[in-house]
Amino acid sequence: MALRSILIHPDPRLKKVCDPVPDLSDELRGLADDMLQTMYDAPGIGLAAPQIGIAKRLIVLDCVKEEGAEPRPLAMFNPEVLASSDEKNVYEEGCLSIPEQYAEVERPAEVTVRWMDRDGNEREETFDGLWATCVQHEIDHLNGVLFIDYLKPLKRQLITRKMQKLKRERARD
């Protein structure tokens, strides 16, 4: 397993629609392991392949935050939302590709998602709460959508300028 570099917005690779994973390979399972390690190290609760520069439909997440609770790492290949609740939730979202910037985003409170697990089995589960928000946020990445795309233009531009400044500062270091 290896830590991967996380792309920082604005980066054109974050705005591309990702390719489906045709079939699983040891290389893709290794990529999922690297992504989980990178996500935990960041620290974060979700990471999508395009955030590390790979245009494949793969996300990882683990929204267990309670002290002493058993982690529940999930790797989802080709995840898709099958159903969304009419009820909405608002969460303050952040993103590893947009560090230290947070904003409230409204999304369906509950979603049913289908994906292929790391063993090639088709899985389906209904998520709510933070899990629902996180899985939708990560699937958005696979479609070239960032959480700031849900914000008003002025707020989005402000965050984008902050990220451009951060990238310039990091390039100097």
Protein backbone atom coordinates (compact mmCIF):
# COMPACT_ATOMS: atom_id res chain seq x y z
CA MET A 1 0.00 0.00 0.00
CA ALA A 2 1.13 3.52 -0.77
CA LEU A 3 -0.03 7.01 -0.02
CA ARG A 4 -1.14 8.86 -3.14
CA SER A 5 -1.02 12.60 -3.81
CA ILE A 6 -4.42 14.26 -3.71
CA LEU A 7 -5.20 16.77 -6.48
CA ILE A 8 -6.22 20.26 -5.38
CA HIS A 9 -9.01 22.20 -7.10
CA PRO A 10 -8.87 23.75 -9.67
CA ASP A 11 -7.47 20.86 -11.68
CA PRO A 12 -9.07 19.81 -14.98
CA ARG A 13 -8.85 16.11 -13.99
CA LEU A 14 -11.38 16.79 -11.20
CA LYS A 15 -13.98 17.94 -13.76
CA LYS A 16 -13.88 14.88 -16.04
CA VAL A 17 -16.48 12.10 -16.13
CA CYS A 18 -14.74 8.85 -15.18
CA ASP A 19 -14.67 5.59 -17.13
CA PRO A 20 -16.44 2.49 -15.80
CA VAL A 21 -14.26 -0.28 -14.38
CA PRO A 22 -14.75 -3.14 -16.90
CA ASP A 23 -13.55 -5.88 -14.56
CA LEU A 24 -11.54 -6.17 -11.39
CA SER A 25 -7.83 -6.82 -11.33
CA ASP A 26 -5.25 -7.08 -8.56
CA GLU A 27 -4.01 -3.69 -9.73
CA LEU A 28 -7.47 -2.13 -9.12
CA ARG A 29 -7.79 -3.81 -5.71
CA GLY A 30 -4.34 -2.40 -4.86
CA LEU A 31 -5.50 1.02 -6.00
CA ALA A 32 -8.51 0.75 -3.65
CA ASP A 33 -6.17 -0.17 -0.77
CA ASP A 34 -3.91 2.81 -1.58
CA MET A 35 -6.95 5.09 -1.69
CA LEU A 36 -8.18 3.89 1.72
CA GLN A 37 -4.74 4.43 3.23
CA THR A 38 -4.55 7.90 1.63
CA MET A 39 -8.07 8.76 2.88
CA TYR A 40 -7.35 7.66 6.47
CA ASP A 41 -3.99 9.49 6.45
CA ALA A 42 -5.50 12.78 5.16
CA PRO A 43 -7.71 12.34 7.34
CA GLY A 44 -11.01 12.05 5.50
CA ILE A 45 -14.14 9.90 5.25
CA GLY A 46 -14.22 9.46 1.46
CA LEU A 47 -12.00 9.59 -1.59
CA ALA A 48 -12.69 9.16 -5.31
CA ALA A 49 -10.17 7.92 -7.89
CA PRO A 50 -10.18 11.20 -9.87
CA GLN A 51 -8.92 12.96 -6.73
CA ILE A 52 -5.65 11.07 -7.17
CA GLY A 53 -5.63 11.63 -10.94
CA ILE A 54 -7.20 8.33 -12.02
CA ALA A 55 -10.30 8.61 -14.23
CA LYS A 56 -11.92 5.35 -13.08
CA ARG A 57 -15.29 4.86 -11.37
CA LEU A 58 -13.92 3.88 -7.95
CA ILE A 59 -14.64 5.43 -4.57
CA VAL A 60 -13.69 4.51 -1.02
CA LEU A 61 -15.38 5.63 2.17
CA ASP A 62 -15.59 4.98 5.88
CA CYS A 63 -17.94 7.23 7.85
CA VAL A 64 -17.49 5.50 11.22
CA LYS A 65 -16.36 8.30 13.51
CA GLU A 66 -17.34 7.08 16.98
CA GLU A 67 -14.38 6.55 19.31
CA GLY A 68 -13.55 2.86 19.63
CA ALA A 69 -16.07 1.82 16.95
CA GLU A 70 -15.04 -0.78 14.39
CA PRO A 71 -14.04 0.89 11.09
CA ARG A 72 -16.12 0.02 8.03
CA PRO A 73 -13.97 0.67 4.97
CA LEU A 74 -15.89 0.33 1.70
CA ALA A 75 -14.44 0.22 -1.79
CA MET A 76 -17.09 0.72 -4.47
CA PHE A 77 -16.40 0.02 -8.13
CA ASN A 78 -18.92 1.54 -10.59
CA PRO A 79 -21.23 2.85 -7.85
CA GLU A 80 -24.60 4.20 -8.94
CA VAL A 81 -27.52 5.72 -7.08
CA LEU A 82 -30.63 3.63 -7.75
CA ALA A 83 -33.07 5.60 -5.60
CA SER A 84 -33.10 8.85 -3.58
CA SER A 85 -35.50 9.95 -0.87
CA ASP A 86 -37.65 13.04 -1.31
CA GLU A 87 -36.58 14.06 2.19
CA LYS A 88 -33.45 16.22 2.21
CA ASN A 89 -30.58 16.66 4.65
CA VAL A 90 -28.15 19.53 4.93
CA TYR A 91 -24.58 18.74 5.95
CA GLU A 92 -21.54 20.96 6.13
CA GLU A 93 -19.35 19.31 3.50
CA GLY A 94 -15.64 19.49 2.94
CA CYS A 95 -13.37 17.80 0.42
CA LEU A 96 -9.80 16.56 0.47
CA SER A 97 -9.32 18.29 -2.91
CA ILE A 98 -10.58 21.58 -1.43
CA PRO A 99 -8.76 21.62 1.93
CA GLU A 100 -10.07 23.62 4.89
CA GLN A 101 -13.12 24.90 3.00
CA TYR A 102 -16.60 23.89 4.14
CA ALA A 103 -20.13 24.75 3.07
CA GLU A 104 -23.63 23.49 3.68
CA VAL A 105 -24.98 21.33 0.86
CA GLU A 106 -28.50 19.93 0.59
CA ARG A 107 -28.82 16.36 -0.69
CA PRO A 108 -31.32 13.51 -0.46
CA ALA A 109 -31.38 12.19 3.13
CA GLU A 110 -31.36 8.57 1.97
CA VAL A 111 -29.98 6.86 -1.13
CA THR A 112 -29.89 3.29 -2.37
CA VAL A 113 -26.60 2.52 -4.11
CA ARG A 114 -25.48 -0.43 -6.23
CA TRP A 115 -21.80 -1.21 -6.76
CA MET A 116 -19.30 -3.96 -7.33
CA ASP A 117 -17.21 -4.86 -4.28
CA ARG A 118 -13.50 -5.73 -4.31
CA ASP A 119 -14.35 -9.41 -4.85
CA GLY A 120 -16.46 -8.65 -7.95
CA ASN A 121 -19.80 -9.20 -6.17
CA GLU A 122 -22.70 -6.87 -6.92
CA ARG A 123 -23.83 -5.14 -3.73
CA GLU A 124 -26.75 -2.90 -2.94
CA GLU A 125 -27.38 -0.92 0.23
CA THR A 126 -29.46 1.99 1.46
CA PHE A 127 -27.47 4.70 3.23
CA ASP A 128 -28.70 7.56 5.40
CA GLY A 129 -27.20 10.35 7.48
CA LEU A 130 -23.52 11.07 6.97
CA TRP A 131 -23.08 7.87 4.90
CA ALA A 132 -25.71 9.07 2.40
CA THR A 133 -24.07 12.48 2.09
CA CYS A 134 -20.59 10.99 1.71
CA VAL A 135 -21.51 8.39 -0.91
CA GLN A 136 -23.33 11.05 -2.99
CA HIS A 137 -20.37 13.44 -2.65
CA GLU A 138 -17.94 10.74 -3.84
CA ILE A 139 -20.16 9.58 -6.72
CA ASP A 140 -20.38 13.25 -7.79
CA HIS A 141 -16.57 13.22 -8.17
CA LEU A 142 -16.92 10.38 -10.70
CA ASN A 143 -19.15 12.68 -12.76
CA GLY A 144 -16.81 15.69 -12.55
CA VAL A 145 -18.94 17.45 -9.91
CA LEU A 146 -17.50 19.07 -6.78
CA PHE A 147 -19.47 20.08 -3.69
CA ILE A 148 -18.77 23.73 -4.47
CA ASP A 149 -20.74 23.30 -7.71
CA TYR A 150 -23.86 23.34 -5.48
CA LEU A 151 -22.95 26.75 -4.05
CA LYS A 152 -23.85 30.21 -5.30
CA PRO A 153 -21.35 31.53 -7.90
CA LEU A 154 -19.80 34.15 -5.62
CA LYS A 155 -19.04 31.65 -2.83
CA ARG A 156 -17.72 29.14 -5.38
CA GLN A 157 -15.41 31.77 -6.92
CA LEU A 158 -14.14 32.80 -3.48
CA ILE A 159 -13.24 29.19 -2.61
CA THR A 160 -11.64 28.64 -6.04
CA ARG A 161 -9.44 31.74 -5.54
CA LYS A 162 -8.37 30.45 -2.11
CA MET A 163 -7.42 27.11 -3.68
CA GLN A 164 -5.43 28.83 -6.46
CA LYS A 165 -3.53 30.76 -3.77
CA LEU A 166 -2.92 27.56 -1.78
CA LYS A 167 -1.54 25.83 -4.90
CA ARG A 168 0.81 28.75 -5.58
CA GLU A 169 2.05 28.67 -1.97
CA ARG A 170 2.60 24.89 -2.11
CA ALA A 171 4.47 25.22 -5.42
CA ARG A 172 6.89 27.65 -3.76
CA ASP A 173 7.62 25.31 -0.82
